[in-house]
C-alpha cells in the first residue's frame, strides 16, 4: 500500500480549511444581509409619526397627512420611511398625490431627498420617502419636526374602512452619523382615515300641529230684582261635550245645544236665564194681563 507523503497531507488539510472558511464566511455575510434588511429596531431611540392620527374624509374630498421625525438629540445622516395601507377593490379607493418635502428640509442645504414616490403592489399602496444629510457632523435635533407630507384623496367608500396607514418597519430607518447604525425605534404610530359617503339623507317634512281656538269668557247681563249685574260666564272649549249646571246666582252661557238633564230644566239652561227669573217674569206678565182684563170689564 502506497503511503501518502506528509506534504500532500498538509496540502489536503490546508484546502479543507480554506473550503470550510469560505463556507463560514458566506454564511456570515448572508446572515448580516438578512439582519440588515430589518430596519427599525425595538431598542431604537429615534421615532417617526404621522398626523392627524384620525380623520373623516368625505368622498370627493382629500386629507393632508404629515410625516414627523424625532432624532432625539442624536446626530443622524439619513432617514428613510415607508408608509403602507391596504385596499379591497380592483384599485385603491383612496389614492396618494402631491408628496412634498417639508420647507424646513428644503431650506437646509445639507439635506437631499431623492426619493418621494408611491407605488401599488398587489392590494397594498406604499409611500416611500428618503433623505440624506451630507454634513460631516450629521444633523442634530432634540425635537420632533415635519419631514414630508402627502395628500390622501377619497375616491369611494372602501370595503376596508377606515383606511389604516402604518409604517413598514422593514423599510424604515434612521441612521446614526457616527457608525451608520439604524437607531429608529420600531414604529407604532398609525393613521386611521374613515371615508364617508357624500350622500346626505333627505329629511321627511313633519306637519306642524295647529293650535285649536280657545273661546274667551263672554260677559252676560243677568236681570235682577233690583238692578242688572254683569257676571263673566266661562265658555267651554270646543269638544267638551257638556254644559255646566248653574245655581240661582250664576248663569252659564254655552255654544253647545246639549243639555245636562231632561225636561224643562235642561231647556232653560240653553236660554241664558235662570228658573227664578223666568217665573217672576211670567208672574208679572200674568198680573199685567189680569189687570188689563179687569179694566176692560
C-alpha atoms as a PDB file:
ATOM      1  CA  UNK A   1       0.000   0.000   0.000  1.00  0.00           C
ATOM      2  CA  UNK A   2       1.363   3.348  -1.066  1.00  0.00           C
ATOM      3  CA  UNK A   3       1.734   5.911   1.682  1.00  0.00           C
ATOM      4  CA  UNK A   4       0.714   9.500   1.108  1.00  0.00           C
ATOM      5  CA  UNK A   5       3.614  11.878   1.730  1.00  0.00           C
ATOM      6  CA  UNK A   6       3.274  14.262   4.621  1.00  0.00           C
ATOM      7  CA  UNK A   7       3.383  17.256   2.252  1.00  0.00           C
ATOM      8  CA  UNK A   8       0.276  16.019   0.485  1.00  0.00           C
ATOM      9  CA  UNK A   9      -1.485  15.591   3.836  1.00  0.00           C
ATOM     10  CA  UNK A  10      -0.638  19.128   4.698  1.00  0.00           C
ATOM     11  CA  UNK A  11      -1.925  20.303   1.320  1.00  0.00           C
ATOM     12  CA  UNK A  12      -5.222  18.443   1.735  1.00  0.00           C
ATOM     13  CA  UNK A  13      -5.697  19.810   5.250  1.00  0.00           C
ATOM     14  CA  UNK A  14      -4.954  23.340   4.025  1.00  0.00           C
ATOM     15  CA  UNK A  15      -7.500  23.058   1.198  1.00  0.00           C
ATOM     16  CA  UNK A  16     -10.094  21.717   3.630  1.00  0.00           C
ATOM     17  CA  UNK A  17      -9.555  24.641   5.985  1.00  0.00           C
ATOM     18  CA  UNK A  18      -9.936  27.101   3.093  1.00  0.00           C
ATOM     19  CA  UNK A  19     -13.200  25.489   1.953  1.00  0.00           C
ATOM     20  CA  UNK A  20     -14.649  25.495   5.468  1.00  0.00           C
ATOM     21  CA  UNK A  21     -13.563  29.102   5.976  1.00  0.00           C
ATOM     22  CA  UNK A  22     -15.155  30.117   2.701  1.00  0.00           C
ATOM     23  CA  UNK A  23     -18.440  28.443   3.635  1.00  0.00           C
ATOM     24  CA  UNK A  24     -18.471  30.074   7.071  1.00  0.00           C
ATOM     25  CA  UNK A  25     -17.687  33.452   5.535  1.00  0.00           C
ATOM     26  CA  UNK A  26     -20.552  33.169   3.034  1.00  0.00           C
ATOM     27  CA  UNK A  27     -22.973  32.166   5.795  1.00  0.00           C
ATOM     28  CA  UNK A  28     -21.926  35.105   7.962  1.00  0.00           C
ATOM     29  CA  UNK A  29     -22.318  37.539   5.075  1.00  0.00           C
ATOM     30  CA  UNK A  30     -25.780  36.162   4.296  1.00  0.00           C
ATOM     31  CA  UNK A  31     -26.788  36.480   7.945  1.00  0.00           C
ATOM     32  CA  UNK A  32     -25.515  40.075   8.061  1.00  0.00           C
ATOM     33  CA  UNK A  33     -27.528  40.893   4.950  1.00  0.00           C
ATOM     34  CA  UNK A  34     -30.601  39.199   6.382  1.00  0.00           C
ATOM     35  CA  UNK A  35     -30.443  41.109   9.645  1.00  0.00           C
ATOM     36  CA  UNK A  36     -29.619  44.301   7.789  1.00  0.00           C
ATOM     37  CA  UNK A  37     -32.978  44.116   5.974  1.00  0.00           C
ATOM     38  CA  UNK A  38     -34.840  44.725   9.207  1.00  0.00           C
ATOM     39  CA  UNK A  39     -34.519  48.477   9.644  1.00  0.00           C
ATOM     40  CA  UNK A  40     -36.403  49.662  12.719  1.00  0.00           C
ATOM     41  CA  UNK A  41     -35.282  48.065  15.973  1.00  0.00           C
ATOM     42  CA  UNK A  42     -37.098  47.659  19.297  1.00  0.00           C
ATOM     43  CA  UNK A  43     -34.200  49.314  21.136  1.00  0.00           C
ATOM     44  CA  UNK A  44     -34.032  52.385  18.889  1.00  0.00           C
ATOM     45  CA  UNK A  45     -34.113  55.879  20.331  1.00  0.00           C
ATOM     46  CA  UNK A  46     -35.375  57.940  17.378  1.00  0.00           C
ATOM     47  CA  UNK A  47     -39.045  57.963  16.353  1.00  0.00           C
ATOM     48  CA  UNK A  48     -41.367  58.661  13.428  1.00  0.00           C
ATOM     49  CA  UNK A  49     -45.087  59.506  13.468  1.00  0.00           C
ATOM     50  CA  UNK A  50     -47.901  60.775  11.256  1.00  0.00           C
ATOM     51  CA  UNK A  51     -50.568  63.410  11.784  1.00  0.00           C
ATOM     52  CA  UNK A  52     -53.518  63.513  12.020  1.00  0.00           C
ATOM     53  CA  UNK A  53     -53.932  60.163  13.733  1.00  0.00           C
ATOM     54  CA  UNK A  54     -57.644  60.075  12.824  1.00  0.00           C
ATOM     55  CA  UNK A  55     -59.813  61.911  10.302  1.00  0.00           C
ATOM     56  CA  UNK A  56     -63.091  61.624   8.380  1.00  0.00           C
ATOM     57  CA  UNK A  57     -62.793  62.228   4.626  1.00  0.00           C
ATOM     58  CA  UNK A  58     -65.997  62.643   2.553  1.00  0.00           C
ATOM     59  CA  UNK A  59     -65.960  61.063  -0.896  1.00  0.00           C
ATOM     60  CA  UNK A  60     -64.525  63.549  -3.369  1.00  0.00           C
ATOM     61  CA  UNK A  61     -62.540  65.350  -0.667  1.00  0.00           C
ATOM     62  CA  UNK A  62     -58.917  64.991   0.475  1.00  0.00           C
ATOM     63  CA  UNK A  63     -56.832  64.989   3.646  1.00  0.00           C
ATOM     64  CA  UNK A  64     -53.226  66.163   4.023  1.00  0.00           C
ATOM     65  CA  UNK A  65     -51.102  63.745   6.073  1.00  0.00           C
ATOM     66  CA  UNK A  66     -47.759  64.861   7.545  1.00  0.00           C
ATOM     67  CA  UNK A  67     -44.796  62.618   8.450  1.00  0.00           C
ATOM     68  CA  UNK A  68     -42.752  63.654  11.515  1.00  0.00           C
ATOM     69  CA  UNK A  69     -39.318  62.504  12.706  1.00  0.00           C
ATOM     70  CA  UNK A  70     -37.579  62.985  16.058  1.00  0.00           C
ATOM     71  CA  UNK A  71     -33.790  62.408  16.154  1.00  0.00           C
ATOM     72  CA  UNK A  72     -33.836  62.684  19.970  1.00  0.00           C
ATOM     73  CA  UNK A  73     -30.645  64.763  20.027  1.00  0.00           C
ATOM     74  CA  UNK A  74     -28.548  62.126  18.201  1.00  0.00           C
ATOM     75  CA  UNK A  75     -26.557  63.161  15.088  1.00  0.00           C
ATOM     76  CA  UNK A  76     -28.112  61.383  12.093  1.00  0.00           C
ATOM     77  CA  UNK A  77     -27.047  61.015   8.468  1.00  0.00           C
ATOM     78  CA  UNK A  78     -30.138  59.624   6.693  1.00  0.00           C
ATOM     79  CA  UNK A  79     -33.861  58.999   7.060  1.00  0.00           C
ATOM     80  CA  UNK A  80     -35.965  56.530   5.087  1.00  0.00           C
ATOM     81  CA  UNK A  81     -39.633  55.769   5.742  1.00  0.00           C
ATOM     82  CA  UNK A  82     -42.211  53.644   4.006  1.00  0.00           C
ATOM     83  CA  UNK A  83     -45.898  54.002   4.793  1.00  0.00           C
ATOM     84  CA  UNK A  84     -48.448  51.499   3.567  1.00  0.00           C
ATOM     85  CA  UNK A  85     -52.169  50.730   3.568  1.00  0.00           C
ATOM     86  CA  UNK A  86     -54.351  48.019   2.073  1.00  0.00           C
ATOM     87  CA  UNK A  87     -57.362  48.243  -0.235  1.00  0.00           C
ATOM     88  CA  UNK A  88     -60.035  45.690  -1.157  1.00  0.00           C
ATOM     89  CA  UNK A  89     -61.233  46.769  -4.603  1.00  0.00           C
ATOM     90  CA  UNK A  90     -59.740  46.371  -8.050  1.00  0.00           C
ATOM     91  CA  UNK A  91     -57.994  49.711  -7.489  1.00  0.00           C
ATOM     92  CA  UNK A  92     -57.363  51.842  -4.388  1.00  0.00           C
ATOM     93  CA  UNK A  93     -60.453  53.667  -3.130  1.00  0.00           C
ATOM     94  CA  UNK A  94     -58.096  56.197  -1.518  1.00  0.00           C
ATOM     95  CA  UNK A  95     -55.204  57.431  -3.655  1.00  0.00           C
ATOM     96  CA  UNK A  96     -51.958  59.262  -2.854  1.00  0.00           C
ATOM     97  CA  UNK A  97     -50.933  62.522  -4.512  1.00  0.00           C
ATOM     98  CA  UNK A  98     -48.650  65.531  -4.119  1.00  0.00           C
ATOM     99  CA  UNK A  99     -45.827  64.117  -1.977  1.00  0.00           C
ATOM    100  CA  UNK A 100     -43.856  67.148  -0.782  1.00  0.00           C
ATOM    101  CA  UNK A 101     -40.787  67.568   1.394  1.00  0.00           C
ATOM    102  CA  UNK A 102     -41.229  69.999   4.254  1.00  0.00           C
ATOM    103  CA  UNK A 103     -39.965  73.540   3.736  1.00  0.00           C
ATOM    104  CA  UNK A 104     -37.659  73.115   6.738  1.00  0.00           C
ATOM    105  CA  UNK A 105     -35.644  70.395   4.987  1.00  0.00           C
ATOM    106  CA  UNK A 106     -35.741  72.225   1.667  1.00  0.00           C
ATOM    107  CA  UNK A 107     -34.199  75.279   3.317  1.00  0.00           C
ATOM    108  CA  UNK A 108     -31.328  73.170   4.714  1.00  0.00           C
ATOM    109  CA  UNK A 109     -28.571  72.876   2.091  1.00  0.00           C
ATOM    110  CA  UNK A 110     -27.165  69.723   3.688  1.00  0.00           C
ATOM    111  CA  UNK A 111     -30.351  67.719   3.084  1.00  0.00           C
ATOM    112  CA  UNK A 112     -31.028  65.940  -0.194  1.00  0.00           C
ATOM    113  CA  UNK A 113     -34.277  63.982  -0.653  1.00  0.00           C
ATOM    114  CA  UNK A 114     -34.098  61.933  -3.855  1.00  0.00           C
ATOM    115  CA  UNK A 115     -36.995  59.569  -3.077  1.00  0.00           C
ATOM    116  CA  UNK A 116     -40.648  60.610  -2.712  1.00  0.00           C
ATOM    117  CA  UNK A 117     -42.807  58.126  -4.592  1.00  0.00           C
ATOM    118  CA  UNK A 118     -45.915  55.953  -4.221  1.00  0.00           C
ATOM    119  CA  UNK A 119     -46.499  52.521  -5.714  1.00  0.00           C
ATOM    120  CA  UNK A 120     -49.046  49.694  -5.765  1.00  0.00           C
ATOM    121  CA  UNK A 121     -48.117  46.072  -5.141  1.00  0.00           C
ATOM    122  CA  UNK A 122     -50.998  43.614  -5.031  1.00  0.00           C
ATOM    123  CA  UNK A 123     -53.637  45.131  -2.745  1.00  0.00           C
ATOM    124  CA  UNK A 124     -51.212  47.438  -0.956  1.00  0.00           C
ATOM    125  CA  UNK A 125     -50.263  51.061  -1.536  1.00  0.00           C
ATOM    126  CA  UNK A 126     -46.732  52.071  -0.476  1.00  0.00           C
ATOM    127  CA  UNK A 127     -45.353  55.577   0.054  1.00  0.00           C
ATOM    128  CA  UNK A 128     -41.540  55.876   0.099  1.00  0.00           C
ATOM    129  CA  UNK A 129     -39.682  58.956   1.332  1.00  0.00           C
ATOM    130  CA  UNK A 130     -35.893  59.116   1.851  1.00  0.00           C
ATOM    131  CA  UNK A 131     -33.440  61.915   2.672  1.00  0.00           C
ATOM    132  CA  UNK A 132     -29.644  62.060   3.113  1.00  0.00           C
ATOM    133  CA  UNK A 133     -27.684  64.611   5.148  1.00  0.00           C
ATOM    134  CA  UNK A 134     -24.224  65.481   3.837  1.00  0.00           C
ATOM    135  CA  UNK A 135     -22.950  67.453   6.824  1.00  0.00           C
ATOM    136  CA  UNK A 136     -19.766  65.948   8.236  1.00  0.00           C
ATOM    137  CA  UNK A 137     -21.175  66.237  11.751  1.00  0.00           C
ATOM    138  CA  UNK A 138     -24.627  64.974  10.833  1.00  0.00           C
ATOM    139  CA  UNK A 139     -27.960  66.560  11.662  1.00  0.00           C
ATOM    140  CA  UNK A 140     -28.949  67.073  15.301  1.00  0.00           C
ATOM    141  CA  UNK A 141     -32.369  67.963  16.696  1.00  0.00           C
ATOM    142  CA  UNK A 142     -33.909  67.471  20.113  1.00  0.00           C
ATOM    143  CA  UNK A 143     -37.499  67.978  18.996  1.00  0.00           C
ATOM    144  CA  UNK A 144     -39.952  66.498  16.526  1.00  0.00           C
ATOM    145  CA  UNK A 145     -40.237  68.234  13.167  1.00  0.00           C
ATOM    146  CA  UNK A 146     -42.117  67.581   9.901  1.00  0.00           C
ATOM    147  CA  UNK A 147     -40.238  65.672   7.219  1.00  0.00           C
ATOM    148  CA  UNK A 148     -42.782  65.448   4.398  1.00  0.00           C
ATOM    149  CA  UNK A 149     -46.495  65.433   3.596  1.00  0.00           C
ATOM    150  CA  UNK A 150     -48.842  63.839   1.096  1.00  0.00           C
ATOM    151  CA  UNK A 151     -52.483  64.164   0.095  1.00  0.00           C
ATOM    152  CA  UNK A 152     -54.915  61.278   0.562  1.00  0.00           C
ATOM    153  CA  UNK A 153     -57.810  61.550  -1.899  1.00  0.00           C
ATOM    154  CA  UNK A 154     -61.109  59.769  -1.124  1.00  0.00           C
ATOM    155  CA  UNK A 155     -62.490  58.329  -4.358  1.00  0.00           C
ATOM    156  CA  UNK A 156     -65.148  55.977  -2.957  1.00  0.00           C
ATOM    157  CA  UNK A 157     -66.137  54.226   0.258  1.00  0.00           C
ATOM    158  CA  UNK A 158     -63.737  51.261   0.607  1.00  0.00           C
ATOM    159  CA  UNK A 159     -64.598  47.753   1.682  1.00  0.00           C
ATOM    160  CA  UNK A 160     -61.931  48.119   4.378  1.00  0.00           C
ATOM    161  CA  UNK A 161     -62.949  51.227   6.287  1.00  0.00           C
ATOM    162  CA  UNK A 162     -61.262  53.098   7.890  1.00  0.00           C
ATOM    163  CA  UNK A 163     -58.112  53.169   5.759  1.00  0.00           C
ATOM    164  CA  UNK A 164     -55.270  52.393   8.183  1.00  0.00           C
ATOM    165  CA  UNK A 165     -51.868  53.852   7.263  1.00  0.00           C
ATOM    166  CA  UNK A 166     -48.891  52.247   9.049  1.00  0.00           C
ATOM    167  CA  UNK A 167     -45.097  52.389   8.887  1.00  0.00           C
ATOM    168  CA  UNK A 168     -43.259  49.482   7.268  1.00  0.00           C
ATOM    169  CA  UNK A 169     -40.707  48.613   9.953  1.00  0.00           C
ATOM    170  CA  UNK A 170     -38.554  46.692   7.483  1.00  0.00           C
ATOM    171  CA  UNK A 171     -38.194  49.561   5.021  1.00  0.00           C
ATOM    172  CA  UNK A 172     -37.989  52.410   7.546  1.00  0.00           C
ATOM    173  CA  UNK A 173     -34.720  53.542   9.150  1.00  0.00           C
ATOM    174  CA  UNK A 174     -32.861  56.469  10.707  1.00  0.00           C
ATOM    175  CA  UNK A 175     -29.074  56.013  10.607  1.00  0.00           C
ATOM    176  CA  UNK A 176     -26.637  57.333  13.175  1.00  0.00           C
ATOM    177  CA  UNK A 177     -23.848  59.520  11.758  1.00  0.00           C
ATOM    178  CA  UNK A 178     -21.018  58.028  13.804  1.00  0.00           C
ATOM    179  CA  UNK A 179     -21.344  54.381  12.739  1.00  0.00           C
ATOM    180  CA  UNK A 180     -24.241  54.170  10.265  1.00  0.00           C
ATOM    181  CA  UNK A 181     -26.300  52.009  12.628  1.00  0.00           C
ATOM    182  CA  UNK A 182     -30.081  52.125  12.474  1.00  0.00           C
ATOM    183  CA  UNK A 183     -31.468  53.771  15.608  1.00  0.00           C
ATOM    184  CA  UNK A 184     -35.160  54.001  14.634  1.00  0.00           C
ATOM    185  CA  UNK A 185     -37.497  52.608  17.268  1.00  0.00           C
ATOM    186  CA  UNK A 186     -39.994  50.173  15.765  1.00  0.00           C
ATOM    187  CA  UNK A 187     -42.850  52.485  14.704  1.00  0.00           C
ATOM    188  CA  UNK A 188     -46.211  52.009  16.384  1.00  0.00           C
ATOM    189  CA  UNK A 189     -47.924  55.180  15.150  1.00  0.00           C
ATOM    190  CA  UNK A 190     -50.821  54.747  12.719  1.00  0.00           C
ATOM    191  CA  UNK A 191     -53.289  56.928  10.878  1.00  0.00           C
ATOM    192  CA  UNK A 192     -56.941  55.883  10.599  1.00  0.00           C
ATOM    193  CA  UNK A 193     -58.952  57.693   7.934  1.00  0.00           C
ATOM    194  CA  UNK A 194     -62.657  56.948   7.530  1.00  0.00           C
ATOM    195  CA  UNK A 195     -64.042  57.522   4.025  1.00  0.00           C
ATOM    196  CA  UNK A 196     -67.584  58.889   4.321  1.00  0.00           C
ATOM    197  CA  UNK A 197     -70.332  58.770   1.699  1.00  0.00           C
ATOM    198  CA  UNK A 198     -71.148  62.134   0.135  1.00  0.00           C
ATOM    199  CA  UNK A 199     -74.910  61.412   0.099  1.00  0.00           C
ATOM    200  CA  UNK A 200     -76.967  63.245   2.703  1.00  0.00           C
ATOM    201  CA  UNK A 201     -80.269  61.643   3.806  1.00  0.00           C
ATOM    202  CA  UNK A 202     -83.339  63.749   2.965  1.00  0.00           C
ATOM    203  CA  UNK A 203     -85.387  64.692   5.977  1.00  0.00           C
ATOM    204  CA  UNK A 204     -89.106  63.901   5.822  1.00  0.00           C
ATOM    205  CA  UNK A 205     -91.170  67.024   6.492  1.00  0.00           C
ATOM    206  CA  UNK A 206     -93.433  66.775   9.520  1.00  0.00           C
ATOM    207  CA  UNK A 207     -96.721  68.573   9.916  1.00  0.00           C
ATOM    208  CA  UNK A 208     -96.715  71.337  12.490  1.00  0.00           C
ATOM    209  CA  UNK A 209     -99.726  70.987  14.802  1.00  0.00           C
ATOM    210  CA  UNK A 210    -102.137  73.941  14.582  1.00  0.00           C
ATOM    211  CA  UNK A 211    -103.263  75.230  17.969  1.00  0.00           C
ATOM    212  CA  UNK A 212    -107.024  74.963  18.469  1.00  0.00           C
ATOM    213  CA  UNK A 213    -109.018  78.102  19.097  1.00  0.00           C
ATOM    214  CA  UNK A 214    -109.982  78.755  22.698  1.00  0.00           C
ATOM    215  CA  UNK A 215    -113.042  80.903  23.324  1.00  0.00           C
ATOM    216  CA  UNK A 216    -112.641  83.594  25.924  1.00  0.00           C
ATOM    217  CA  UNK A 217    -115.262  84.162  28.643  1.00  0.00           C
ATOM    218  CA  UNK A 218    -118.224  86.269  27.468  1.00  0.00           C
ATOM    219  CA  UNK A 219    -119.913  88.639  29.942  1.00  0.00           C
ATOM    220  CA  UNK A 220    -123.661  88.026  30.289  1.00  0.00           C
ATOM    221  CA  UNK A 221    -126.205  90.521  31.560  1.00  0.00           C
ATOM    222  CA  UNK A 222    -128.480  88.956  34.143  1.00  0.00           C
ATOM    223  CA  UNK A 223    -131.676  90.790  35.080  1.00  0.00           C
ATOM    224  CA  UNK A 224    -132.158  91.026  38.834  1.00  0.00           C
ATOM    225  CA  UNK A 225    -134.961  92.234  41.032  1.00  0.00           C
ATOM    226  CA  UNK A 226    -133.195  95.485  41.881  1.00  0.00           C
ATOM    227  CA  UNK A 227    -130.584  96.137  39.167  1.00  0.00           C
ATOM    228  CA  UNK A 228    -128.697  94.486  36.344  1.00  0.00           C
ATOM    229  CA  UNK A 229    -125.369  92.841  37.101  1.00  0.00           C
ATOM    230  CA  UNK A 230    -122.822  91.571  34.643  1.00  0.00           C
ATOM    231  CA  UNK A 231    -121.401  88.172  35.500  1.00  0.00           C
ATOM    232  CA  UNK A 232    -118.462  86.764  33.485  1.00  0.00           C
ATOM    233  CA  UNK A 233    -119.506  83.429  32.107  1.00  0.00           C
ATOM    234  CA  UNK A 234    -116.817  80.894  31.195  1.00  0.00           C
ATOM    235  CA  UNK A 235    -117.410  79.296  27.823  1.00  0.00           C
ATOM    236  CA  UNK A 236    -116.124  75.721  27.485  1.00  0.00           C
ATOM    237  CA  UNK A 237    -113.646  74.921  24.742  1.00  0.00           C
ATOM    238  CA  UNK A 238    -114.959  73.009  21.699  1.00  0.00           C
ATOM    239  CA  UNK A 239    -115.279  69.319  22.256  1.00  0.00           C
ATOM    240  CA  UNK A 240    -116.192  69.452  25.921  1.00  0.00           C
ATOM    241  CA  UNK A 241    -119.494  67.747  25.081  1.00  0.00           C
ATOM    242  CA  UNK A 242    -121.499  69.118  28.030  1.00  0.00           C
ATOM    243  CA  UNK A 243    -122.514  72.372  29.731  1.00  0.00           C
ATOM    244  CA  UNK A 244    -122.093  73.187  33.369  1.00  0.00           C
ATOM    245  CA  UNK A 245    -125.036  73.418  35.730  1.00  0.00           C
ATOM    246  CA  UNK A 246    -125.798  76.732  37.441  1.00  0.00           C
ATOM    247  CA  UNK A 247    -127.102  77.997  40.718  1.00  0.00           C
ATOM    248  CA  UNK A 248    -129.566  80.799  41.409  1.00  0.00           C
ATOM    249  CA  UNK A 249    -126.801  83.457  41.362  1.00  0.00           C
ATOM    250  CA  UNK A 250    -124.636  82.102  38.485  1.00  0.00           C
ATOM    251  CA  UNK A 251    -125.672  81.970  34.825  1.00  0.00           C
ATOM    252  CA  UNK A 252    -123.716  79.864  32.291  1.00  0.00           C
ATOM    253  CA  UNK A 253    -123.853  80.501  28.542  1.00  0.00           C
ATOM    254  CA  UNK A 254    -122.745  77.796  26.115  1.00  0.00           C
ATOM    255  CA  UNK A 255    -122.448  77.421  22.360  1.00  0.00           C
ATOM    256  CA  UNK A 256    -123.472  73.786  22.590  1.00  0.00           C
ATOM    257  CA  UNK A 257    -127.105  72.664  22.257  1.00  0.00           C
ATOM    258  CA  UNK A 258    -126.592  69.714  24.554  1.00  0.00           C
ATOM    259  CA  UNK A 259    -128.271  69.966  27.984  1.00  0.00           C
ATOM    260  CA  UNK A 260    -127.229  68.426  31.261  1.00  0.00           C
ATOM    261  CA  UNK A 261    -130.649  66.963  32.040  1.00  0.00           C
ATOM    262  CA  UNK A 262    -134.116  66.288  30.588  1.00  0.00           C
ATOM    263  CA  UNK A 263    -137.404  68.246  30.891  1.00  0.00           C
ATOM    264  CA  UNK A 264    -137.881  71.999  31.372  1.00  0.00           C
ATOM    265  CA  UNK A 265    -134.734  72.427  33.446  1.00  0.00           C
ATOM    266  CA  UNK A 266    -132.497  71.351  30.548  1.00  0.00           C
ATOM    267  CA  UNK A 267    -134.297  73.687  28.092  1.00  0.00           C
ATOM    268  CA  UNK A 268    -133.990  76.630  30.467  1.00  0.00           C
ATOM    269  CA  UNK A 269    -130.216  76.211  30.723  1.00  0.00           C
ATOM    270  CA  UNK A 270    -129.825  76.833  26.989  1.00  0.00           C
ATOM    271  CA  UNK A 271    -131.729  80.206  27.113  1.00  0.00           C
ATOM    272  CA  UNK A 272    -129.258  82.012  29.297  1.00  0.00           C
ATOM    273  CA  UNK A 273    -131.847  82.803  32.118  1.00  0.00           C
ATOM    274  CA  UNK A 274    -132.287  81.155  35.487  1.00  0.00           C
ATOM    275  CA  UNK A 275    -135.565  79.485  36.558  1.00  0.00           C
ATOM    276  CA  UNK A 276    -136.492  82.050  39.266  1.00  0.00           C
ATOM    277  CA  UNK A 277    -136.092  84.892  36.774  1.00  0.00           C
ATOM    278  CA  UNK A 278    -138.441  83.206  34.278  1.00  0.00           C
ATOM    279  CA  UNK A 279    -141.052  82.502  36.964  1.00  0.00           C
ATOM    280  CA  UNK A 280    -141.039  86.089  38.252  1.00  0.00           C
ATOM    281  CA  UNK A 281    -141.269  87.466  34.710  1.00  0.00           C
ATOM    282  CA  UNK A 282    -144.188  85.145  33.862  1.00  0.00           C
ATOM    283  CA  UNK A 283    -145.997  86.108  37.058  1.00  0.00           C
ATOM    284  CA  UNK A 284    -145.575  89.782  36.180  1.00  0.00           C
ATOM    285  CA  UNK A 285    -146.996  89.237  32.675  1.00  0.00           C
ATOM    286  CA  UNK A 286    -149.997  87.326  34.051  1.00  0.00           C
ATOM    287  CA  UNK A 287    -150.644  90.035  36.641  1.00  0.00           C
ATOM    288  CA  UNK A 288    -150.404  92.724  33.962  1.00  0.00           C
ATOM    289  CA  UNK A 289    -152.809  90.795  31.717  1.00  0.00           C
ATOM    290  CA  UNK A 290    -155.299  90.137  34.521  1.00  0.00           C
ATOM    291  CA  UNK A 291    -155.229  93.838  35.364  1.00  0.00           C
ATOM    292  CA  UNK A 292    -155.990  94.685  31.738  1.00  0.00           C
ATOM    293  CA  UNK A 293    -158.943  92.300  31.717  1.00  0.00           C
ATOM    294  CA  UNK A 294    -160.322  93.903  34.865  1.00  0.00           C
ATOM    295  CA  UNK A 295    -160.018  97.381  33.294  1.00  0.00           C
ATOM    296  CA  UNK A 296    -161.863  96.268  30.170  1.00  0.00           C
ATOM    297  CA  UNK A 297    -164.714  94.967  32.268  1.00  0.00           C
END
